[in-house]
Every structure is written in C-alpha cells, then in structure tokens.
Amino acid sequence: MTAPRIPAKYIEQLRAALENAGVPFTGTLKPGTARTFQVEHLGRAWELAYAFQAGGQAVWTLTGPGPDFEWGPGRMTDECVEAITAPVVEPEPEPVDPHPGAPRTHLGFELPDFVRAEWDTPRAEWFRLGLALAVGKLPDTRPRA
C-alpha cells in the first residue's frame, strides 16, 4: 500500500502561508518519505507531515523542537505557520549564588541568607547548634576515656 499523495492545492496553500510569514519553503519532500516537508526557521527544524484534509484545508502533523511538538495532534496550515514563526523563548539564566561557599541546607532545613552569608562566623555556628538541638542531633561532647 502506498501513502496518500498530497494534493497540489494543499502544497500551494502551505507554500503561500509560509512565504507570507517569511519562512523559506523549497517544496521538496523529506528523503525517504512520501508526505513530509522539512522547514527551518530561526535555527529550528520543523517537519510537516500531511495527514488529511478537512474543510478545504490540509491538516498537518507538526514535529519540532520542544515537548509541545512531538508528533502532536493534527493542525491546520495556519496553526502550523503560527507555531513555526512563534518567537524563540530563551530560558532564564540560573541565578548566581550570592554565597557559593556555604551550603543551602543543614540537617534537612533550608538555611536563611544571613546564616549562609556568615557561614564561618560564631553567629552561624550558634545557629547550626540551635538547629541541631531542635532536631535532636547535638554533637557528642562527652569526654573520652
């Protein structure tokens, strides 16, 4: 059994929608497939596989970067173009630790910033001892024989 061919009017519909959005479209199929186009935009690669037609438009299976585009449900041509041309969201950088030499937790509790800032001072040592007393984990200070 052979895969269904893509009607020419839907290829033209896709071409027009992509080019109107500023996305280059060569119209050549992905090697080894009968109904999948590859498109690249803003450094991201996308695949549009023809699924079927509905209401005079083609429905495509869009595959692209990120978990939202892993062989998701069928999308109309306009929805595919919208997803492809959406701005790239840059992840926020990890915040810089203001106290890199101090641990974030002690005995399973998150430490306040003032303790982390003064980690090597008597004030922080007393805080740690108070925490140890509260959880019943005081250090053994008995004299050794």
C-alpha atoms as a PDB file:
ATOM      1  CA  MET A   1       0.000   0.000   0.000  1.00  0.00           C
ATOM      2  CA  THR A   2       1.337   3.452  -0.863  1.00  0.00           C
ATOM      3  CA  ALA A   3       0.991   6.588   1.217  1.00  0.00           C
ATOM      4  CA  PRO A   4      -1.618   9.087   0.036  1.00  0.00           C
ATOM      5  CA  ARG A   5      -0.281  11.818  -2.222  1.00  0.00           C
ATOM      6  CA  ILE A   6      -0.545  15.405  -1.119  1.00  0.00           C
ATOM      7  CA  PRO A   7      -2.944  17.336  -3.350  1.00  0.00           C
ATOM      8  CA  ALA A   8      -1.147  20.169  -5.165  1.00  0.00           C
ATOM      9  CA  LYS A   9      -3.560  22.806  -3.839  1.00  0.00           C
ATOM     10  CA  TYR A  10      -2.554  21.980  -0.245  1.00  0.00           C
ATOM     11  CA  ILE A  11       1.133  22.191  -1.067  1.00  0.00           C
ATOM     12  CA  GLU A  12       0.478  25.607  -2.623  1.00  0.00           C
ATOM     13  CA  GLN A  13      -1.593  26.623   0.403  1.00  0.00           C
ATOM     14  CA  LEU A  14       1.303  25.673   2.688  1.00  0.00           C
ATOM     15  CA  ARG A  15       3.852  27.424   0.471  1.00  0.00           C
ATOM     16  CA  ALA A  16       1.830  30.655   0.405  1.00  0.00           C
ATOM     17  CA  ALA A  17       1.234  30.666   4.165  1.00  0.00           C
ATOM     18  CA  LEU A  18       4.912  30.022   4.988  1.00  0.00           C
ATOM     19  CA  GLU A  19       6.278  32.534   2.490  1.00  0.00           C
ATOM     20  CA  ASN A  20       3.819  35.213   3.651  1.00  0.00           C
ATOM     21  CA  ALA A  21       5.219  34.681   7.152  1.00  0.00           C
ATOM     22  CA  GLY A  22       8.814  34.976   5.907  1.00  0.00           C
ATOM     23  CA  VAL A  23       9.668  31.285   6.166  1.00  0.00           C
ATOM     24  CA  PRO A  24      11.533  29.850   3.154  1.00  0.00           C
ATOM     25  CA  PHE A  25       9.843  26.784   1.647  1.00  0.00           C
ATOM     26  CA  THR A  26      11.501  24.645  -1.027  1.00  0.00           C
ATOM     27  CA  GLY A  27       8.602  22.266  -1.538  1.00  0.00           C
ATOM     28  CA  THR A  28      10.818  19.181  -1.625  1.00  0.00           C
ATOM     29  CA  LEU A  29       9.840  16.171   0.423  1.00  0.00           C
ATOM     30  CA  LYS A  30      11.992  14.782   3.210  1.00  0.00           C
ATOM     31  CA  PRO A  31      14.139  11.963   1.809  1.00  0.00           C
ATOM     32  CA  GLY A  32      12.545   8.563   2.287  1.00  0.00           C
ATOM     33  CA  THR A  33       9.046   9.952   2.873  1.00  0.00           C
ATOM     34  CA  ALA A  34       6.063  10.462   0.616  1.00  0.00           C
ATOM     35  CA  ARG A  35       4.278  13.247   2.503  1.00  0.00           C
ATOM     36  CA  THR A  36       6.650  15.088   4.877  1.00  0.00           C
ATOM     37  CA  PHE A  37       8.218  18.505   4.282  1.00  0.00           C
ATOM     38  CA  GLN A  38      11.143  19.926   6.238  1.00  0.00           C
ATOM     39  CA  VAL A  39      11.235  23.619   7.119  1.00  0.00           C
ATOM     40  CA  GLU A  40      13.844  25.591   9.029  1.00  0.00           C
ATOM     41  CA  HIS A  41      13.147  28.924  10.698  1.00  0.00           C
ATOM     42  CA  LEU A  42      15.174  30.871  13.285  1.00  0.00           C
ATOM     43  CA  GLY A  43      17.613  27.967  13.554  1.00  0.00           C
ATOM     44  CA  ARG A  44      14.885  25.476  14.472  1.00  0.00           C
ATOM     45  CA  ALA A  45      13.983  22.492  12.300  1.00  0.00           C
ATOM     46  CA  TRP A  46      10.358  21.511  11.734  1.00  0.00           C
ATOM     47  CA  GLU A  47       8.631  18.673   9.899  1.00  0.00           C
ATOM     48  CA  LEU A  48       5.151  18.937   8.433  1.00  0.00           C
ATOM     49  CA  ALA A  49       3.576  15.602   7.541  1.00  0.00           C
ATOM     50  CA  TYR A  50       0.365  15.706   5.527  1.00  0.00           C
ATOM     51  CA  ALA A  51      -2.371  13.894   7.446  1.00  0.00           C
ATOM     52  CA  PHE A  52      -5.680  14.575   5.678  1.00  0.00           C
ATOM     53  CA  GLN A  53      -7.942  17.376   4.513  1.00  0.00           C
ATOM     54  CA  ALA A  54     -10.755  18.999   6.447  1.00  0.00           C
ATOM     55  CA  GLY A  55     -12.970  21.897   5.470  1.00  0.00           C
ATOM     56  CA  GLY A  56     -10.932  22.840   2.392  1.00  0.00           C
ATOM     57  CA  GLN A  57      -7.636  22.960   4.293  1.00  0.00           C
ATOM     58  CA  ALA A  58      -4.888  20.462   4.844  1.00  0.00           C
ATOM     59  CA  VAL A  59      -4.278  19.049   8.288  1.00  0.00           C
ATOM     60  CA  TRP A  60      -0.605  18.534   9.120  1.00  0.00           C
ATOM     61  CA  THR A  61       1.200  16.699  11.866  1.00  0.00           C
ATOM     62  CA  LEU A  62       3.795  19.181  13.088  1.00  0.00           C
ATOM     63  CA  THR A  63       7.022  17.985  14.672  1.00  0.00           C
ATOM     64  CA  GLY A  64       9.576  20.421  16.012  1.00  0.00           C
ATOM     65  CA  PRO A  65      11.706  21.467  18.949  1.00  0.00           C
ATOM     66  CA  GLY A  66      10.399  21.080  22.460  1.00  0.00           C
ATOM     67  CA  PRO A  67       7.928  18.718  24.105  1.00  0.00           C
ATOM     68  CA  ASP A  68       4.878  20.524  22.667  1.00  0.00           C
ATOM     69  CA  PHE A  69       5.709  19.430  19.136  1.00  0.00           C
ATOM     70  CA  GLU A  70       6.429  15.713  19.399  1.00  0.00           C
ATOM     71  CA  TRP A  71       4.004  14.225  16.881  1.00  0.00           C
ATOM     72  CA  GLY A  72       1.182  16.204  18.384  1.00  0.00           C
ATOM     73  CA  PRO A  73      -2.366  16.319  17.118  1.00  0.00           C
ATOM     74  CA  GLY A  74      -3.120  17.403  13.592  1.00  0.00           C
ATOM     75  CA  ARG A  75      -3.015  21.151  12.956  1.00  0.00           C
ATOM     76  CA  MET A  76      -4.407  23.308  10.205  1.00  0.00           C
ATOM     77  CA  THR A  77      -1.945  25.113   7.945  1.00  0.00           C
ATOM     78  CA  ASP A  78      -2.405  28.449   9.743  1.00  0.00           C
ATOM     79  CA  GLU A  79      -1.741  26.869  13.143  1.00  0.00           C
ATOM     80  CA  CYS A  80       1.442  25.238  11.849  1.00  0.00           C
ATOM     81  CA  VAL A  81       2.746  28.545  10.483  1.00  0.00           C
ATOM     82  CA  GLU A  82       1.887  30.245  13.769  1.00  0.00           C
ATOM     83  CA  ALA A  83       3.859  27.645  15.748  1.00  0.00           C
ATOM     84  CA  ILE A  84       6.847  27.795  13.387  1.00  0.00           C
ATOM     85  CA  THR A  85       7.059  31.597  13.465  1.00  0.00           C
ATOM     86  CA  ALA A  86       6.491  31.966  17.215  1.00  0.00           C
ATOM     87  CA  PRO A  87       9.355  33.827  18.908  1.00  0.00           C
ATOM     88  CA  VAL A  88      12.072  31.709  20.446  1.00  0.00           C
ATOM     89  CA  VAL A  89      11.724  31.819  24.214  1.00  0.00           C
ATOM     90  CA  GLU A  90      15.127  31.907  25.857  1.00  0.00           C
ATOM     91  CA  PRO A  91      15.297  30.151  29.221  1.00  0.00           C
ATOM     92  CA  GLU A  92      16.125  32.410  32.123  1.00  0.00           C
ATOM     93  CA  PRO A  93      19.694  32.026  33.309  1.00  0.00           C
ATOM     94  CA  GLU A  94      20.267  30.298  36.608  1.00  0.00           C
ATOM     95  CA  PRO A  95      20.547  32.874  39.384  1.00  0.00           C
ATOM     96  CA  VAL A  96      24.059  33.389  40.689  1.00  0.00           C
ATOM     97  CA  ASP A  97      24.509  32.030  44.204  1.00  0.00           C
ATOM     98  CA  PRO A  98      25.470  35.020  46.389  1.00  0.00           C
ATOM     99  CA  HIS A  99      27.127  32.673  48.912  1.00  0.00           C
ATOM    100  CA  PRO A 100      28.875  29.922  46.918  1.00  0.00           C
ATOM    101  CA  GLY A 101      30.985  28.686  49.853  1.00  0.00           C
ATOM    102  CA  ALA A 102      28.036  27.931  52.120  1.00  0.00           C
ATOM    103  CA  PRO A 103      25.592  25.031  51.831  1.00  0.00           C
ATOM    104  CA  ARG A 104      21.946  25.742  51.092  1.00  0.00           C
ATOM    105  CA  THR A 105      20.646  23.302  53.714  1.00  0.00           C
ATOM    106  CA  HIS A 106      21.708  21.997  57.109  1.00  0.00           C
ATOM    107  CA  LEU A 107      20.189  18.883  58.727  1.00  0.00           C
ATOM    108  CA  GLY A 108      17.477  18.907  56.046  1.00  0.00           C
ATOM    109  CA  PHE A 109      16.424  22.528  56.569  1.00  0.00           C
ATOM    110  CA  GLU A 110      16.933  25.419  54.175  1.00  0.00           C
ATOM    111  CA  LEU A 111      19.312  27.982  55.614  1.00  0.00           C
ATOM    112  CA  PRO A 112      18.439  31.696  55.763  1.00  0.00           C
ATOM    113  CA  ASP A 113      20.634  34.089  53.783  1.00  0.00           C
ATOM    114  CA  PHE A 114      22.151  35.701  56.891  1.00  0.00           C
ATOM    115  CA  VAL A 115      23.478  32.303  58.031  1.00  0.00           C
ATOM    116  CA  ARG A 116      24.858  31.486  54.605  1.00  0.00           C
ATOM    117  CA  ALA A 117      26.478  34.948  54.378  1.00  0.00           C
ATOM    118  CA  GLU A 118      28.263  34.431  57.713  1.00  0.00           C
ATOM    119  CA  TRP A 119      28.861  30.687  57.409  1.00  0.00           C
ATOM    120  CA  ASP A 120      32.318  30.723  59.039  1.00  0.00           C
ATOM    121  CA  THR A 121      31.402  33.027  61.950  1.00  0.00           C
ATOM    122  CA  PRO A 122      30.346  32.200  65.521  1.00  0.00           C
ATOM    123  CA  ARG A 123      26.850  33.548  64.805  1.00  0.00           C
ATOM    124  CA  ALA A 124      26.288  30.896  62.094  1.00  0.00           C
ATOM    125  CA  GLU A 125      27.820  28.219  64.327  1.00  0.00           C
ATOM    126  CA  TRP A 126      25.328  29.041  67.088  1.00  0.00           C
ATOM    127  CA  PHE A 127      22.509  28.921  64.547  1.00  0.00           C
ATOM    128  CA  ARG A 128      23.631  25.446  63.447  1.00  0.00           C
ATOM    129  CA  LEU A 129      23.862  24.289  67.072  1.00  0.00           C
ATOM    130  CA  GLY A 130      20.360  25.635  67.761  1.00  0.00           C
ATOM    131  CA  LEU A 131      19.051  23.782  64.750  1.00  0.00           C
ATOM    132  CA  ALA A 132      20.798  20.604  65.883  1.00  0.00           C
ATOM    133  CA  LEU A 133      19.221  20.991  69.344  1.00  0.00           C
ATOM    134  CA  ALA A 134      15.777  21.467  67.784  1.00  0.00           C
ATOM    135  CA  VAL A 135      16.009  18.245  65.763  1.00  0.00           C
ATOM    136  CA  GLY A 136      17.784  16.233  68.472  1.00  0.00           C
ATOM    137  CA  LYS A 137      21.133  15.907  66.723  1.00  0.00           C
ATOM    138  CA  LEU A 138      23.558  17.644  69.020  1.00  0.00           C
ATOM    139  CA  PRO A 139      27.191  16.671  68.558  1.00  0.00           C
ATOM    140  CA  ASP A 140      28.615  14.253  71.110  1.00  0.00           C
ATOM    141  CA  THR A 141      30.757  16.317  73.515  1.00  0.00           C
ATOM    142  CA  ARG A 142      31.348  13.686  76.250  1.00  0.00           C
ATOM    143  CA  PRO A 143      34.915  13.386  77.434  1.00  0.00           C
ATOM    144  CA  ARG A 144      36.718  10.354  76.036  1.00  0.00           C
ATOM    145  CA  ALA A 145      38.471   7.984  78.406  1.00  0.00           C
END
